[in-house]
Protein backbone atom coordinates (compact mmCIF):
# COMPACT_ATOMS: atom_id res chain seq x y z
CA MET A 1 110.73 109.02 108.33
CA MET A 2 108.13 111.53 109.54
CA ALA A 3 108.05 112.60 113.17
CA ALA A 4 105.14 111.25 115.23
CA SER A 5 103.65 114.75 115.50
CA ASP A 6 103.78 115.16 111.71
CA ARG A 7 102.01 111.81 111.21
CA SER A 8 99.34 112.84 113.74
CA ASP A 9 98.92 116.22 112.03
CA LEU A 10 98.51 114.49 108.64
CA ALA A 11 95.88 112.08 110.01
CA ARG A 12 94.03 114.98 111.70
CA HIS A 13 94.12 117.03 108.48
CA ALA A 14 92.78 114.06 106.51
CA LEU A 15 89.77 113.71 108.80
CA GLU A 16 88.99 117.33 109.60
CA ARG A 17 89.68 118.86 106.19
CA VAL A 18 89.47 116.16 103.50
CA CYS A 19 86.78 113.84 104.91
CA SER A 20 84.63 116.74 106.15
CA GLY A 21 84.35 118.08 102.61
CA SER A 22 83.01 116.96 99.29
CA ASP A 23 86.06 117.81 97.14
CA ALA A 24 87.92 114.58 96.44
CA SER A 25 90.81 116.54 94.88
CA ALA A 26 91.70 117.64 98.45
CA ALA A 27 92.90 114.05 98.97
CA VAL A 28 95.85 114.52 96.59
CA GLY A 29 99.06 114.72 98.60
CA VAL A 30 97.28 113.53 101.75
CA TYR A 31 96.23 110.06 100.59
CA SER A 32 98.38 107.88 98.37
CA PRO A 33 97.02 107.13 94.87
CA ASP A 34 97.23 103.47 95.98
CA PHE A 35 95.22 104.16 99.15
CA HIS A 36 93.21 101.23 100.58
CA ASP A 37 90.32 102.07 102.89
CA HIS A 38 88.57 99.50 105.10
CA VAL A 39 85.43 101.18 106.49
CA ASN A 40 83.15 98.98 108.56
CA ALA A 41 82.20 96.24 106.06
CA ARG A 42 83.19 98.21 102.92
CA GLU A 43 86.45 98.72 101.04
CA TYR A 44 87.51 101.60 98.84
CA HIS A 45 90.61 101.92 96.66
CA GLY A 46 92.59 104.92 95.46
CA HIS A 47 91.34 108.43 94.92
CA ASP A 48 88.23 107.10 93.13
CA GLY A 49 87.39 105.21 96.31
CA ILE A 50 87.84 108.38 98.34
CA ARG A 51 85.43 110.17 95.99
CA GLU A 52 82.85 107.41 96.48
CA SER A 53 83.30 107.39 100.26
CA LEU A 54 83.00 111.20 100.49
CA GLY A 55 79.84 110.99 98.43
CA LEU A 56 78.31 108.61 100.95
CA TYR A 57 79.12 110.98 103.83
CA GLN A 58 77.52 113.83 101.86
CA LEU A 59 74.35 111.75 101.46
CA VAL A 60 74.18 111.08 105.21
CA PHE A 61 74.94 114.70 106.11
CA SER A 62 72.71 116.06 103.35
CA ASP A 63 72.60 119.67 104.61
CA ASP A 64 76.25 120.23 103.56
CA ASP A 65 77.32 121.01 107.12
CA LEU A 66 79.41 117.94 107.97
CA ARG A 67 82.19 118.66 110.45
CA ILE A 68 84.59 115.98 111.66
CA ARG A 69 86.55 116.74 114.80
CA VAL A 70 89.44 114.61 116.04
CA GLU A 71 89.06 114.10 119.78
CA GLU A 72 92.15 112.04 120.55
CA GLN A 73 95.16 110.51 118.78
CA VAL A 74 97.85 107.98 119.52
CA SER A 75 100.83 107.45 117.23
CA GLU A 76 103.20 104.50 117.10
CA GLY A 77 105.60 103.73 114.29
CA GLU A 78 103.94 104.31 110.92
CA ARG A 79 100.41 104.20 112.39
CA VAL A 80 98.15 106.84 113.92
CA ALA A 81 94.92 105.97 115.74
CA SER A 82 92.36 108.79 115.75
CA ARG A 83 89.08 108.93 117.68
CA TRP A 84 86.69 111.31 115.93
CA VAL A 85 83.19 112.77 116.09
CA ALA A 86 81.19 113.75 113.00
CA GLU A 87 78.33 116.23 113.32
CA GLY A 88 75.91 117.77 110.88
CA HIS A 89 72.32 117.50 109.69
CA ASN A 90 70.21 115.28 107.45
CA HIS A 91 67.29 117.33 106.10
CA GLY A 92 67.29 119.44 109.25
CA ARG A 93 67.69 116.58 111.71
CA PRO A 94 70.88 116.76 113.79
CA ILE A 95 73.22 113.80 113.27
CA ARG A 96 76.20 112.94 115.47
CA ILE A 97 78.32 109.81 115.11
CA TRP A 98 81.68 108.75 116.44
CA GLY A 99 84.38 106.50 115.09
CA ILE A 100 87.94 105.34 115.27
CA VAL A 101 90.39 105.08 112.38
CA ILE A 102 93.89 103.64 112.29
CA SER A 103 95.90 105.25 109.50
CA ARG A 104 99.11 103.78 108.08
CA ILE A 105 101.45 106.42 106.67
CA GLU A 106 104.31 105.92 104.22
CA ASN A 107 106.36 108.59 102.46
CA GLY A 108 104.24 111.40 103.87
CA GLU A 109 100.88 110.04 102.63
CA ILE A 110 98.18 107.84 104.11
CA VAL A 111 98.32 104.48 102.34
CA GLU A 112 95.75 102.56 104.38
CA ASP A 113 92.93 103.20 106.85
CA TRP A 114 91.04 100.78 109.06
CA ALA A 115 87.91 102.52 110.35
CA ALA A 116 84.84 101.69 112.42
CA SER A 117 81.95 103.96 113.32
CA ASP A 118 78.73 103.68 115.31
CA ASN A 119 76.30 102.93 112.47
CA LEU A 120 73.57 101.60 114.76
CA HIS A 121 73.39 104.99 116.48
CA LEU A 122 73.28 106.64 113.04
CA ILE A 123 70.33 104.44 112.03
CA ARG A 124 68.50 105.36 115.24
CA GLN A 125 69.07 109.07 114.61
CA LEU A 126 67.89 108.93 111.01
CA GLY A 127 64.73 106.96 111.71
CA PRO A 128 63.05 104.54 109.28
CA TRP A 129 61.88 107.02 106.60
CA ARG A 130 65.12 108.97 106.36
CA LEU A 131 67.01 105.67 106.31
CA LEU A 132 64.87 104.43 103.42
CA LEU A 133 65.35 107.69 101.51
CA LEU A 134 69.09 107.58 102.20
CA GLY A 135 69.26 104.01 100.88
CA LEU A 136 67.48 105.01 97.67
CA ALA A 137 69.75 108.04 97.22
CA TRP A 138 72.80 105.83 97.75
CA VAL A 139 71.65 103.35 95.08
CA ARG A 140 71.03 106.20 92.61
CA ALA A 141 74.41 107.81 93.37
CA ARG A 142 76.25 104.50 93.09
CA THR A 143 74.56 103.70 89.78
CA ALA A 144 75.47 107.15 88.43
CA TYR A 145 79.06 106.79 89.71
CA ARG A 146 79.50 103.43 88.00
CA ALA A 147 78.18 104.87 84.75
CA LEU A 148 81.07 107.37 84.63
CA PRO A 149 83.67 106.42 82.00
CA THR A 150 86.58 106.65 84.50
CA SER A 151 85.03 104.73 87.42
CA PRO A 152 86.11 101.21 88.36
CA LYS A 153 83.33 98.83 87.31
CA GLN A 154 83.98 95.97 89.72
CA ARG A 155 83.14 96.66 93.35
């Protein structure tokens, strides 16, 4: 069994290094291949789900400057709760959101996350036109993702 500090370090690394980037291959060895992610009202599965989730963050933070910083962590048993702040820009407009994720860790990898973030504040920061453009970009990206031969078709 991992020490509490090792579990906290893994959860911090996942947020600050993997989720801040756009390279889904960085998830290998950090997230289990059977990873299950519950984010607000959405669910993602496995490394393909991580790729899709990272893509959504890259759409929101479109200037490729997303930085996630863990502010506080609490660890108990196989779970680590992390309070985080994400900052970056969307077409020059500064964006800052906060969230909380509870990560369950088994065998040195994250197998499940339960996350919630302040999406209402995000919507206010984006404004109506950027929100509309973001929605259109998300639909296009999702359609392209589903057209890939290796993507799961049912979501």
